[in-house]
Amino acid sequence: MATAVLVANSSSDPSLPKEQEPGSPIAPILSSGLQVRRASRAKTLTSPTSGLAPGYVQANLLVLPSRYAADFRLLCARNPVPCPLIAESAGPGSYDSIKSYLAGGADVLSEGACVDLRYDIPRYMVYRDAELVRDGALDIENEWDDGDHVAFLIGCSYSFESALSLAGLSPRHTVLGRNVPMYRTRLPLCPAGVFTESTYIVSMRPYKSRDVEKVRRITRGYSATHGEPIAWGWEAIHSLGILDIDAPEWGEAPVTADGRPLGELQGGSAEDEVPVFWACGVTPQEAVMRANIKGTVMAHAPGHMLLLDCKDHDIVNTS
């Protein structure tokens, strides 16, 4: 079967039903980035964001003490595929104003848009001195330092999933309402400042071998949200250093269309599905943890993203 590895350089929304209970399925009525942010802020949305507000860009969040901000920007500049930096908070301590790094000066939020990075993601992770202290928190108001924290937004591969779906290649996890599987690899990052000895994290979506080239072509232009796959095929598991395709470090275990563990297809027919791997926005979160930095660090919970106001087609590189 084909294989390859490529490495390139707070109030509720009045539009929501009042009877909605926290954590209940509300995806059908969340049709914009603003609606998803408001639902997260109101805590009526606490689940992964894959498939929500199709066409709107999704972003990973990482919030650091300001003394580490310059090193983190350098990490992103040196590793643009796993760490595509698309925006950051307007200044230290700012949680309601964002400056964009999108090509051509495109804005990530509409003019005058409402955003509060402490509430507008369904679930967060909180670390103190590199130790996890809150897992799946619904907000980070108490941890946010108004005078020091700097928030960074990293592109997310969820942002090209609507394009795949329009092409008849809907990712398995969106069809089944599951969280995408994510894996730690041995593929090294280029170090920057305090961020050393880190490796890629990858997300995985299974596709039939015959569809891999089409999947690559569709996602290639989304360089602001990781771009095309970096590896595919069963042999890529060993190339990347993944221990067990059925035991991801984050997200949910992958399954076949009929619900069996995906690993059962390894060594099967050429018509079977193969794993396809993309660089993942959990990568910089892992890099921060490995750096063992001091102070309070906050991030999105894997699979729970910040929805922006810009659209997927606005960020596609057609060159």
C-alpha atoms as a PDB file:
ATOM      1  CA  MET A   1       0.000   0.000   0.000  1.00  0.00           C
ATOM      2  CA  ALA A   2       1.127   3.575  -0.623  1.00  0.00           C
ATOM      3  CA  THR A   3       3.055   5.347   2.079  1.00  0.00           C
ATOM      4  CA  ALA A   4       4.863   8.652   2.379  1.00  0.00           C
ATOM      5  CA  VAL A   5       6.182  11.100   4.921  1.00  0.00           C
ATOM      6  CA  LEU A   6       6.426  14.770   3.964  1.00  0.00           C
ATOM      7  CA  VAL A   7       7.696  17.530   6.246  1.00  0.00           C
ATOM      8  CA  ALA A   8       7.403  21.144   5.072  1.00  0.00           C
ATOM      9  CA  ASN A   9       9.104  23.971   6.187  1.00  0.00           C
ATOM     10  CA  SER A  10     -20.750  36.165  29.491  1.00  0.00           C
ATOM     11  CA  SER A  11     -23.948  35.829  28.610  1.00  0.00           C
ATOM     12  CA  SER A  12     -25.812  33.301  26.549  1.00  0.00           C
ATOM     13  CA  ASP A  13     -26.721  33.828  22.909  1.00  0.00           C
ATOM     14  CA  PRO A  14     -30.384  34.858  22.576  1.00  0.00           C
ATOM     15  CA  SER A  15     -30.546  32.853  19.355  1.00  0.00           C
ATOM     16  CA  LEU A  16     -30.053  29.595  21.288  1.00  0.00           C
ATOM     17  CA  PRO A  17     -33.091  27.714  22.606  1.00  0.00           C
ATOM     18  CA  LYS A  18     -33.643  28.436  26.305  1.00  0.00           C
ATOM     19  CA  GLU A  19     -34.414  24.790  27.020  1.00  0.00           C
ATOM     20  CA  GLN A  20     -30.948  23.715  25.881  1.00  0.00           C
ATOM     21  CA  GLU A  21     -29.103  21.853  28.647  1.00  0.00           C
ATOM     22  CA  PRO A  22     -25.309  22.083  29.089  1.00  0.00           C
ATOM     23  CA  GLY A  23     -23.503  19.593  26.889  1.00  0.00           C
ATOM     24  CA  SER A  24     -26.552  18.657  24.821  1.00  0.00           C
ATOM     25  CA  PRO A  25     -26.237  18.290  21.027  1.00  0.00           C
ATOM     26  CA  ILE A  26     -26.814  21.679  19.430  1.00  0.00           C
ATOM     27  CA  ALA A  27     -24.688  21.360  16.305  1.00  0.00           C
ATOM     28  CA  PRO A  28     -27.596  21.812  13.843  1.00  0.00           C
ATOM     29  CA  ILE A  29     -28.260  25.399  14.997  1.00  0.00           C
ATOM     30  CA  LEU A  30     -24.640  26.561  15.335  1.00  0.00           C
ATOM     31  CA  SER A  31     -24.052  27.955  11.887  1.00  0.00           C
ATOM     32  CA  SER A  32     -21.436  30.664  12.525  1.00  0.00           C
ATOM     33  CA  GLY A  33     -18.271  31.216  14.504  1.00  0.00           C
ATOM     34  CA  LEU A  34     -20.043  33.794  16.666  1.00  0.00           C
ATOM     35  CA  GLN A  35     -22.821  31.355  17.584  1.00  0.00           C
ATOM     36  CA  VAL A  36     -20.292  28.700  18.608  1.00  0.00           C
ATOM     37  CA  ARG A  37     -18.379  31.213  20.764  1.00  0.00           C
ATOM     38  CA  ARG A  38     -21.580  32.349  22.451  1.00  0.00           C
ATOM     39  CA  ALA A  39     -22.716  28.777  23.073  1.00  0.00           C
ATOM     40  CA  SER A  40     -19.343  27.980  24.624  1.00  0.00           C
ATOM     41  CA  ARG A  41     -19.527  31.085  26.792  1.00  0.00           C
ATOM     42  CA  ALA A  42     -23.013  30.145  27.952  1.00  0.00           C
ATOM     43  CA  LYS A  43     -21.754  26.585  28.629  1.00  0.00           C
ATOM     44  CA  THR A  44     -24.465  25.092  26.423  1.00  0.00           C
ATOM     45  CA  LEU A  45     -21.658  23.719  24.237  1.00  0.00           C
ATOM     46  CA  THR A  46     -19.072  21.566  26.020  1.00  0.00           C
ATOM     47  CA  SER A  47     -18.253  18.991  23.330  1.00  0.00           C
ATOM     48  CA  PRO A  48     -15.669  18.850  20.486  1.00  0.00           C
ATOM     49  CA  THR A  49     -16.143  21.402  17.717  1.00  0.00           C
ATOM     50  CA  SER A  50     -15.433  19.273  14.639  1.00  0.00           C
ATOM     51  CA  GLY A  51     -18.303  19.730  12.181  1.00  0.00           C
ATOM     52  CA  LEU A  52     -19.721  22.845  13.863  1.00  0.00           C
ATOM     53  CA  ALA A  53     -20.345  26.021  11.824  1.00  0.00           C
ATOM     54  CA  PRO A  54     -19.125  24.485   8.542  1.00  0.00           C
ATOM     55  CA  GLY A  55     -16.913  26.821   6.555  1.00  0.00           C
ATOM     56  CA  TYR A  56     -15.665  28.862   9.520  1.00  0.00           C
ATOM     57  CA  VAL A  57     -12.005  28.700  10.527  1.00  0.00           C
ATOM     58  CA  GLN A  58     -11.238  26.901  13.788  1.00  0.00           C
ATOM     59  CA  ALA A  59      -8.164  27.609  15.914  1.00  0.00           C
ATOM     60  CA  ASN A  60      -6.146  26.019  18.695  1.00  0.00           C
ATOM     61  CA  LEU A  61      -5.417  28.184  21.742  1.00  0.00           C
ATOM     62  CA  LEU A  62      -2.255  28.446  23.816  1.00  0.00           C
ATOM     63  CA  VAL A  63      -1.877  31.055  26.578  1.00  0.00           C
ATOM     64  CA  LEU A  64       1.582  31.725  28.034  1.00  0.00           C
ATOM     65  CA  PRO A  65       3.251  34.111  30.499  1.00  0.00           C
ATOM     66  CA  SER A  66       4.587  37.018  28.426  1.00  0.00           C
ATOM     67  CA  ARG A  67       8.243  36.193  29.149  1.00  0.00           C
ATOM     68  CA  TYR A  68       7.922  33.131  26.878  1.00  0.00           C
ATOM     69  CA  ALA A  69       6.058  34.871  24.037  1.00  0.00           C
ATOM     70  CA  ALA A  70       9.072  35.703  21.860  1.00  0.00           C
ATOM     71  CA  ASP A  71      10.417  32.139  22.012  1.00  0.00           C
ATOM     72  CA  PHE A  72       6.979  30.771  21.147  1.00  0.00           C
ATOM     73  CA  ARG A  73       6.644  33.058  18.099  1.00  0.00           C
ATOM     74  CA  LEU A  74      10.045  31.797  16.957  1.00  0.00           C
ATOM     75  CA  LEU A  75       8.933  28.188  17.465  1.00  0.00           C
ATOM     76  CA  CYS A  76       5.954  28.821  15.193  1.00  0.00           C
ATOM     77  CA  ALA A  77       8.096  30.584  12.576  1.00  0.00           C
ATOM     78  CA  ARG A  78      10.523  27.660  12.465  1.00  0.00           C
ATOM     79  CA  ASN A  79       7.774  25.010  12.384  1.00  0.00           C
ATOM     80  CA  PRO A  80       4.969  26.459  10.227  1.00  0.00           C
ATOM     81  CA  VAL A  81       3.330  23.112   9.367  1.00  0.00           C
ATOM     82  CA  PRO A  82       2.562  21.838  12.900  1.00  0.00           C
ATOM     83  CA  CYS A  83       2.475  25.344  14.427  1.00  0.00           C
ATOM     84  CA  PRO A  84       0.851  27.732  11.912  1.00  0.00           C
ATOM     85  CA  LEU A  85       0.425  30.960  13.898  1.00  0.00           C
ATOM     86  CA  ILE A  86      -2.668  32.813  12.692  1.00  0.00           C
ATOM     87  CA  ALA A  87      -3.237  35.365  15.483  1.00  0.00           C
ATOM     88  CA  GLU A  88      -2.392  36.420  19.018  1.00  0.00           C
ATOM     89  CA  SER A  89      -3.915  38.613  21.692  1.00  0.00           C
ATOM     90  CA  ALA A  90      -3.508  42.326  21.029  1.00  0.00           C
ATOM     91  CA  GLY A  91      -1.248  42.720  24.070  1.00  0.00           C
ATOM     92  CA  PRO A  92      -0.267  41.092  27.362  1.00  0.00           C
ATOM     93  CA  GLY A  93      -3.382  40.384  29.397  1.00  0.00           C
ATOM     94  CA  SER A  94      -5.793  41.058  26.533  1.00  0.00           C
ATOM     95  CA  TYR A  95      -8.514  38.411  26.272  1.00  0.00           C
ATOM     96  CA  ASP A  96     -11.051  40.342  24.161  1.00  0.00           C
ATOM     97  CA  SER A  97      -8.889  41.714  21.345  1.00  0.00           C
ATOM     98  CA  ILE A  98      -6.912  39.735  18.749  1.00  0.00           C
ATOM     99  CA  LYS A  99      -4.413  40.747  16.066  1.00  0.00           C
ATOM    100  CA  SER A 100      -4.297  38.622  12.918  1.00  0.00           C
ATOM    101  CA  TYR A 101      -1.278  37.145  11.135  1.00  0.00           C
ATOM    102  CA  LEU A 102      -3.260  35.810   8.183  1.00  0.00           C
ATOM    103  CA  ALA A 103      -1.794  36.472   4.759  1.00  0.00           C
ATOM    104  CA  GLY A 104      -2.875  39.691   3.096  1.00  0.00           C
ATOM    105  CA  GLY A 105      -3.913  41.255   6.397  1.00  0.00           C
ATOM    106  CA  ALA A 106      -7.179  39.301   6.545  1.00  0.00           C
ATOM    107  CA  ASP A 107      -8.980  39.593   9.881  1.00  0.00           C
ATOM    108  CA  VAL A 108      -9.804  36.539  11.957  1.00  0.00           C
ATOM    109  CA  LEU A 109     -12.749  38.332  13.577  1.00  0.00           C
ATOM    110  CA  SER A 110     -15.351  40.681  12.142  1.00  0.00           C
ATOM    111  CA  GLU A 111     -15.041  44.360  13.018  1.00  0.00           C
ATOM    112  CA  GLY A 112     -16.444  44.905  16.490  1.00  0.00           C
ATOM    113  CA  ALA A 113     -16.862  41.153  17.018  1.00  0.00           C
ATOM    114  CA  CYS A 114     -17.449  39.838  20.516  1.00  0.00           C
ATOM    115  CA  VAL A 115     -14.742  37.493  21.812  1.00  0.00           C
ATOM    116  CA  ASP A 116     -13.586  36.452  25.269  1.00  0.00           C
ATOM    117  CA  LEU A 117     -10.750  33.942  25.193  1.00  0.00           C
ATOM    118  CA  ARG A 118     -11.450  32.974  28.806  1.00  0.00           C
ATOM    119  CA  TYR A 119     -14.899  31.551  27.949  1.00  0.00           C
ATOM    120  CA  ASP A 120     -15.330  31.092  24.188  1.00  0.00           C
ATOM    121  CA  ILE A 121     -13.893  27.566  23.887  1.00  0.00           C
ATOM    122  CA  PRO A 122     -15.987  24.590  25.067  1.00  0.00           C
ATOM    123  CA  ARG A 123     -13.236  23.105  27.267  1.00  0.00           C
ATOM    124  CA  TYR A 124      -9.740  24.102  28.413  1.00  0.00           C
ATOM    125  CA  MET A 125      -6.609  22.595  29.924  1.00  0.00           C
ATOM    126  CA  VAL A 126      -4.752  24.424  32.710  1.00  0.00           C
ATOM    127  CA  TYR A 127      -1.137  23.719  33.656  1.00  0.00           C
ATOM    128  CA  ARG A 128       0.898  25.134  36.520  1.00  0.00           C
ATOM    129  CA  ASP A 129       4.680  24.750  36.411  1.00  0.00           C
ATOM    130  CA  ALA A 130       4.192  22.190  33.600  1.00  0.00           C
ATOM    131  CA  GLU A 131       1.801  20.053  35.666  1.00  0.00           C
ATOM    132  CA  LEU A 132      -1.823  19.566  34.599  1.00  0.00           C
ATOM    133  CA  VAL A 133      -4.092  21.029  37.295  1.00  0.00           C
ATOM    134  CA  ARG A 134      -7.437  21.317  35.460  1.00  0.00           C
ATOM    135  CA  ASP A 135      -8.589  18.986  32.685  1.00  0.00           C
ATOM    136  CA  GLY A 136     -11.626  19.951  30.589  1.00  0.00           C
ATOM    137  CA  ALA A 137     -12.320  23.223  32.411  1.00  0.00           C
ATOM    138  CA  LEU A 138     -15.337  25.171  31.125  1.00  0.00           C
ATOM    139  CA  ASP A 139     -13.608  28.546  31.532  1.00  0.00           C
ATOM    140  CA  ILE A 140     -10.257  30.014  32.608  1.00  0.00           C
ATOM    141  CA  GLU A 141     -11.360  33.302  34.168  1.00  0.00           C
ATOM    142  CA  ASN A 142      -9.692  32.657  37.542  1.00  0.00           C
ATOM    143  CA  GLU A 143      -6.378  31.625  35.981  1.00  0.00           C
ATOM    144  CA  TRP A 144      -6.089  34.501  33.484  1.00  0.00           C
ATOM    145  CA  ASP A 145      -3.603  37.226  34.452  1.00  0.00           C
ATOM    146  CA  ASP A 146      -4.875  40.525  33.048  1.00  0.00           C
ATOM    147  CA  GLY A 147      -1.403  42.017  33.127  1.00  0.00           C
ATOM    148  CA  ASP A 148       0.718  39.194  31.750  1.00  0.00           C
ATOM    149  CA  HIS A 149      -0.849  36.358  29.763  1.00  0.00           C
ATOM    150  CA  VAL A 150      -0.417  36.307  25.980  1.00  0.00           C
ATOM    151  CA  ALA A 151      -2.769  34.137  23.899  1.00  0.00           C
ATOM    152  CA  PHE A 152      -1.728  32.530  20.617  1.00  0.00           C
ATOM    153  CA  LEU A 153      -4.082  31.062  18.002  1.00  0.00           C
ATOM    154  CA  ILE A 154      -2.762  28.175  15.922  1.00  0.00           C
ATOM    155  CA  GLY A 155      -4.466  26.934  12.766  1.00  0.00           C
ATOM    156  CA  CYS A 156      -6.525  23.730  13.115  1.00  0.00           C
ATOM    157  CA  SER A 157      -7.073  20.934  10.609  1.00  0.00           C
ATOM    158  CA  TYR A 158     -10.808  21.016  11.393  1.00  0.00           C
ATOM    159  CA  SER A 159     -10.830  24.055   9.110  1.00  0.00           C
ATOM    160  CA  PHE A 160     -10.522  22.036   5.902  1.00  0.00           C
ATOM    161  CA  GLU A 161     -12.990  19.318   6.891  1.00  0.00           C
ATOM    162  CA  SER A 162     -15.923  21.102   5.270  1.00  0.00           C
ATOM    163  CA  ALA A 163     -14.026  21.109   1.954  1.00  0.00           C
ATOM    164  CA  LEU A 164     -13.453  17.369   2.299  1.00  0.00           C
ATOM    165  CA  SER A 165     -17.123  16.829   3.063  1.00  0.00           C
ATOM    166  CA  LEU A 166     -18.200  18.845   0.017  1.00  0.00           C
ATOM    167  CA  ALA A 167     -16.019  16.547  -2.089  1.00  0.00           C
ATOM    168  CA  GLY A 168     -17.767  13.470  -0.699  1.00  0.00           C
ATOM    169  CA  LEU A 169     -14.855  12.669   1.629  1.00  0.00           C
ATOM    170  CA  SER A 170     -16.354  13.438   5.035  1.00  0.00           C
ATOM    171  CA  PRO A 171     -13.919  12.517   7.845  1.00  0.00           C
ATOM    172  CA  ARG A 172     -15.013   9.450   9.795  1.00  0.00           C
ATOM    173  CA  HIS A 173     -15.026  11.172  13.182  1.00  0.00           C
ATOM    174  CA  THR A 174     -17.423  13.895  11.989  1.00  0.00           C
ATOM    175  CA  VAL A 175     -19.816  11.318  10.534  1.00  0.00           C
ATOM    176  CA  LEU A 176     -19.848   9.326  13.781  1.00  0.00           C
ATOM    177  CA  GLY A 177     -19.784  12.316  16.143  1.00  0.00           C
ATOM    178  CA  ARG A 178     -16.441  11.307  17.673  1.00  0.00           C
ATOM    179  CA  ASN A 179     -13.281  13.229  18.548  1.00  0.00           C
ATOM    180  CA  VAL A 180     -10.449  12.917  16.030  1.00  0.00           C
ATOM    181  CA  PRO A 181      -7.627  10.561  17.109  1.00  0.00           C
ATOM    182  CA  MET A 182      -4.287  12.275  17.811  1.00  0.00           C
ATOM    183  CA  TYR A 183      -0.878  10.671  18.279  1.00  0.00           C
ATOM    184  CA  ARG A 184       2.570  11.548  19.597  1.00  0.00           C
ATOM    185  CA  THR A 185       5.345  10.936  17.030  1.00  0.00           C
ATOM    186  CA  ARG A 186       9.143  10.887  16.993  1.00  0.00           C
ATOM    187  CA  LEU A 187       9.314  13.501  14.196  1.00  0.00           C
ATOM    188  CA  PRO A 188      11.340  16.356  15.751  1.00  0.00           C
ATOM    189  CA  LEU A 189      10.481  20.038  15.796  1.00  0.00           C
ATOM    190  CA  CYS A 190      13.094  22.672  15.031  1.00  0.00           C
ATOM    191  CA  PRO A 191      13.950  24.068  18.501  1.00  0.00           C
ATOM    192  CA  ALA A 192      13.446  27.704  19.499  1.00  0.00           C
ATOM    193  CA  GLY A 193      14.592  29.305  22.751  1.00  0.00           C
ATOM    194  CA  VAL A 194      13.267  27.324  25.711  1.00  0.00           C
ATOM    195  CA  PHE A 195      11.287  25.033  23.408  1.00  0.00           C
ATOM    196  CA  THR A 196      13.617  22.115  22.685  1.00  0.00           C
ATOM    197  CA  GLU A 197      13.409  18.352  22.203  1.00  0.00           C
ATOM    198  CA  SER A 198       9.783  18.475  21.065  1.00  0.00           C
ATOM    199  CA  THR A 199       8.090  16.341  18.410  1.00  0.00           C
ATOM    200  CA  TYR A 200       5.124  16.523  16.067  1.00  0.00           C
ATOM    201  CA  ILE A 201       1.665  15.548  17.206  1.00  0.00           C
ATOM    202  CA  VAL A 202      -0.523  14.292  14.350  1.00  0.00           C
ATOM    203  CA  SER A 203      -4.247  13.859  13.798  1.00  0.00           C
ATOM    204  CA  MET A 204      -5.512  10.947  11.716  1.00  0.00           C
ATOM    205  CA  ARG A 205      -8.403  10.432   9.318  1.00  0.00           C
ATOM    206  CA  PRO A 206      -8.744   7.107   7.452  1.00  0.00           C
ATOM    207  CA  TYR A 207      -9.319   7.078   3.692  1.00  0.00           C
ATOM    208  CA  LYS A 208      -9.204   4.509   0.946  1.00  0.00           C
ATOM    209  CA  SER A 209      -5.830   4.390  -0.815  1.00  0.00           C
ATOM    210  CA  ARG A 210      -7.384   5.490  -4.083  1.00  0.00           C
ATOM    211  CA  ASP A 211      -8.675   8.700  -2.442  1.00  0.00           C
ATOM    212  CA  VAL A 212      -5.426   9.819  -0.797  1.00  0.00           C
ATOM    213  CA  GLU A 213      -4.246  11.915  -3.755  1.00  0.00           C
ATOM    214  CA  LYS A 214      -7.605  13.695  -3.915  1.00  0.00           C
ATOM    215  CA  VAL A 215      -7.469  14.335  -0.157  1.00  0.00           C
ATOM    216  CA  ARG A 216      -3.953  15.757  -0.539  1.00  0.00           C
ATOM    217  CA  ARG A 217      -5.051  18.025  -3.377  1.00  0.00           C
ATOM    218  CA  ILE A 218      -8.058  19.387  -1.460  1.00  0.00           C
ATOM    219  CA  THR A 219      -6.155  20.144   1.743  1.00  0.00           C
ATOM    220  CA  ARG A 220      -2.875  21.344   0.203  1.00  0.00           C
ATOM    221  CA  GLY A 221      -3.905  24.985  -0.012  1.00  0.00           C
ATOM    222  CA  TYR A 222      -4.804  25.229   3.664  1.00  0.00           C
ATOM    223  CA  SER A 223      -1.277  26.060   4.801  1.00  0.00           C
ATOM    224  CA  ALA A 224      -2.676  28.320   7.533  1.00  0.00           C
ATOM    225  CA  THR A 225      -4.347  25.255   9.047  1.00  0.00           C
ATOM    226  CA  HIS A 226      -1.619  22.590   8.572  1.00  0.00           C
ATOM    227  CA  GLY A 227      -2.123  21.946   4.834  1.00  0.00           C
ATOM    228  CA  GLU A 228      -1.890  18.514   3.221  1.00  0.00           C
ATOM    229  CA  PRO A 229      -1.114  15.260   5.057  1.00  0.00           C
ATOM    230  CA  ILE A 230       2.479  14.684   6.153  1.00  0.00           C
ATOM    231  CA  ALA A 231       2.153  10.876   6.055  1.00  0.00           C
ATOM    232  CA  TRP A 232      -0.191   8.123   4.902  1.00  0.00           C
ATOM    233  CA  GLY A 233      -0.333   4.346   4.598  1.00  0.00           C
ATOM    234  CA  TRP A 234       0.205   1.602   7.178  1.00  0.00           C
ATOM    235  CA  GLU A 235       3.985   1.845   6.917  1.00  0.00           C
ATOM    236  CA  ALA A 236       3.757   5.482   8.037  1.00  0.00           C
ATOM    237  CA  ILE A 237       2.806   4.304  11.522  1.00  0.00           C
ATOM    238  CA  HIS A 238       6.321   2.942  11.958  1.00  0.00           C
ATOM    239  CA  SER A 239       7.963   5.911  10.195  1.00  0.00           C
ATOM    240  CA  LEU A 240       6.285   8.321  12.605  1.00  0.00           C
ATOM    241  CA  GLY A 241       6.950   6.155  15.647  1.00  0.00           C
ATOM    242  CA  ILE A 242       3.296   5.612  16.542  1.00  0.00           C
ATOM    243  CA  LEU A 243       2.995   2.651  18.889  1.00  0.00           C
ATOM    244  CA  ASP A 244      -0.620   1.591  18.297  1.00  0.00           C
ATOM    245  CA  ILE A 245      -3.089   3.044  15.784  1.00  0.00           C
ATOM    246  CA  ASP A 246      -5.958   1.914  18.016  1.00  0.00           C
ATOM    247  CA  ALA A 247      -4.603   3.706  21.103  1.00  0.00           C
ATOM    248  CA  PRO A 248      -4.215   7.448  20.394  1.00  0.00           C
ATOM    249  CA  GLU A 249      -2.787   9.671  23.120  1.00  0.00           C
ATOM    250  CA  TRP A 250      -5.637  12.172  22.594  1.00  0.00           C
ATOM    251  CA  GLY A 251      -9.129  11.999  21.117  1.00  0.00           C
ATOM    252  CA  GLU A 252     -11.000   8.758  20.501  1.00  0.00           C
ATOM    253  CA  ALA A 253      -9.779   5.498  18.997  1.00  0.00           C
ATOM    254  CA  PRO A 254     -10.392   5.278  15.236  1.00  0.00           C
ATOM    255  CA  VAL A 255     -12.957   2.843  13.894  1.00  0.00           C
ATOM    256  CA  THR A 256     -13.990   1.442  10.548  1.00  0.00           C
ATOM    257  CA  ALA A 257     -17.302   2.352   8.931  1.00  0.00           C
ATOM    258  CA  ASP A 258     -18.893  -0.669  10.620  1.00  0.00           C
ATOM    259  CA  GLY A 259     -17.453   0.165  14.054  1.00  0.00           C
ATOM    260  CA  ARG A 260     -14.478  -2.201  14.263  1.00  0.00           C
ATOM    261  CA  PRO A 261     -11.018  -1.040  15.434  1.00  0.00           C
ATOM    262  CA  LEU A 262      -9.244   0.504  12.454  1.00  0.00           C
ATOM    263  CA  GLY A 263      -6.134  -1.594  13.129  1.00  0.00           C
ATOM    264  CA  GLU A 264      -7.988  -4.686  11.963  1.00  0.00           C
ATOM    265  CA  LEU A 265      -7.573  -3.423   8.377  1.00  0.00           C
ATOM    266  CA  GLN A 266      -3.766  -3.471   8.533  1.00  0.00           C
ATOM    267  CA  GLY A 267      -2.406  -5.929   5.980  1.00  0.00           C
ATOM    268  CA  GLY A 268      -5.800  -6.298   4.323  1.00  0.00           C
ATOM    269  CA  SER A 269      -7.092  -5.585   0.821  1.00  0.00           C
ATOM    270  CA  ALA A 270      -5.760  -2.739  -1.305  1.00  0.00           C
ATOM    271  CA  GLU A 271      -9.338  -1.437  -1.327  1.00  0.00           C
ATOM    272  CA  ASP A 272      -9.373  -1.058   2.462  1.00  0.00           C
ATOM    273  CA  GLU A 273      -8.867   2.236   4.228  1.00  0.00           C
ATOM    274  CA  VAL A 274      -5.416   3.400   5.313  1.00  0.00           C
ATOM    275  CA  PRO A 275      -4.485   5.952   8.003  1.00  0.00           C
ATOM    276  CA  VAL A 276      -3.783   9.476   6.769  1.00  0.00           C
ATOM    277  CA  PHE A 277      -1.910  11.816   9.110  1.00  0.00           C
ATOM    278  CA  TRP A 278      -1.878  15.600   9.383  1.00  0.00           C
ATOM    279  CA  ALA A 279       0.250  17.828  11.593  1.00  0.00           C
ATOM    280  CA  CYS A 280      -1.843  18.765  14.636  1.00  0.00           C
ATOM    281  CA  GLY A 281      -2.274  21.916  16.721  1.00  0.00           C
ATOM    282  CA  VAL A 282      -1.690  19.949  19.920  1.00  0.00           C
ATOM    283  CA  THR A 283       1.990  20.044  18.867  1.00  0.00           C
ATOM    284  CA  PRO A 284       2.764  23.456  20.418  1.00  0.00           C
ATOM    285  CA  GLN A 285       0.863  22.492  23.584  1.00  0.00           C
ATOM    286  CA  GLU A 286       3.091  19.431  23.909  1.00  0.00           C
ATOM    287  CA  ALA A 287       6.178  21.574  23.193  1.00  0.00           C
ATOM    288  CA  VAL A 288       5.247  23.914  26.041  1.00  0.00           C
ATOM    289  CA  MET A 289       4.803  21.002  28.437  1.00  0.00           C
ATOM    290  CA  ARG A 290       8.159  19.495  27.479  1.00  0.00           C
ATOM    291  CA  ALA A 291       9.857  22.859  28.022  1.00  0.00           C
ATOM    292  CA  ASN A 292       8.902  22.606  31.706  1.00  0.00           C
ATOM    293  CA  ILE A 293       8.230  26.338  31.872  1.00  0.00           C
ATOM    294  CA  LYS A 294       7.148  28.021  35.080  1.00  0.00           C
ATOM    295  CA  GLY A 295       3.865  29.761  35.730  1.00  0.00           C
ATOM    296  CA  THR A 296       0.320  29.168  34.554  1.00  0.00           C
ATOM    297  CA  VAL A 297      -0.258  27.971  30.992  1.00  0.00           C
ATOM    298  CA  MET A 298      -3.693  27.437  29.441  1.00  0.00           C
ATOM    299  CA  ALA A 299      -4.795  25.728  26.247  1.00  0.00           C
ATOM    300  CA  HIS A 300      -7.822  24.299  24.468  1.00  0.00           C
ATOM    301  CA  ALA A 301      -8.734  20.753  25.412  1.00  0.00           C
ATOM    302  CA  PRO A 302      -7.827  18.568  22.403  1.00  0.00           C
ATOM    303  CA  GLY A 303     -10.690  18.685  19.900  1.00  0.00           C
ATOM    304  CA  HIS A 304     -12.330  21.767  21.469  1.00  0.00           C
ATOM    305  CA  MET A 305     -11.487  24.795  19.340  1.00  0.00           C
ATOM    306  CA  LEU A 306     -12.086  28.521  19.091  1.00  0.00           C
ATOM    307  CA  LEU A 307     -14.376  29.345  16.153  1.00  0.00           C
ATOM    308  CA  LEU A 308     -13.444  32.517  14.247  1.00  0.00           C
ATOM    309  CA  ASP A 309     -15.382  34.766  11.866  1.00  0.00           C
ATOM    310  CA  CYS A 310     -13.198  34.269   8.789  1.00  0.00           C
ATOM    311  CA  LYS A 311     -14.168  31.534   6.345  1.00  0.00           C
ATOM    312  CA  ASP A 312     -12.139  28.571   5.146  1.00  0.00           C
ATOM    313  CA  HIS A 313     -12.120  29.790   1.547  1.00  0.00           C
ATOM    314  CA  ASP A 314     -10.622  33.100   2.704  1.00  0.00           C
ATOM    315  CA  ILE A 315      -7.403  31.406   3.839  1.00  0.00           C
ATOM    316  CA  VAL A 316      -6.783  28.984   0.974  1.00  0.00           C
ATOM    317  CA  ASN A 317      -3.480  29.476  -0.801  1.00  0.00           C
ATOM    318  CA  THR A 318      -4.213  28.947  -4.497  1.00  0.00           C
ATOM    319  CA  SER A 319      -0.661  29.563  -5.736  1.00  0.00           C
END
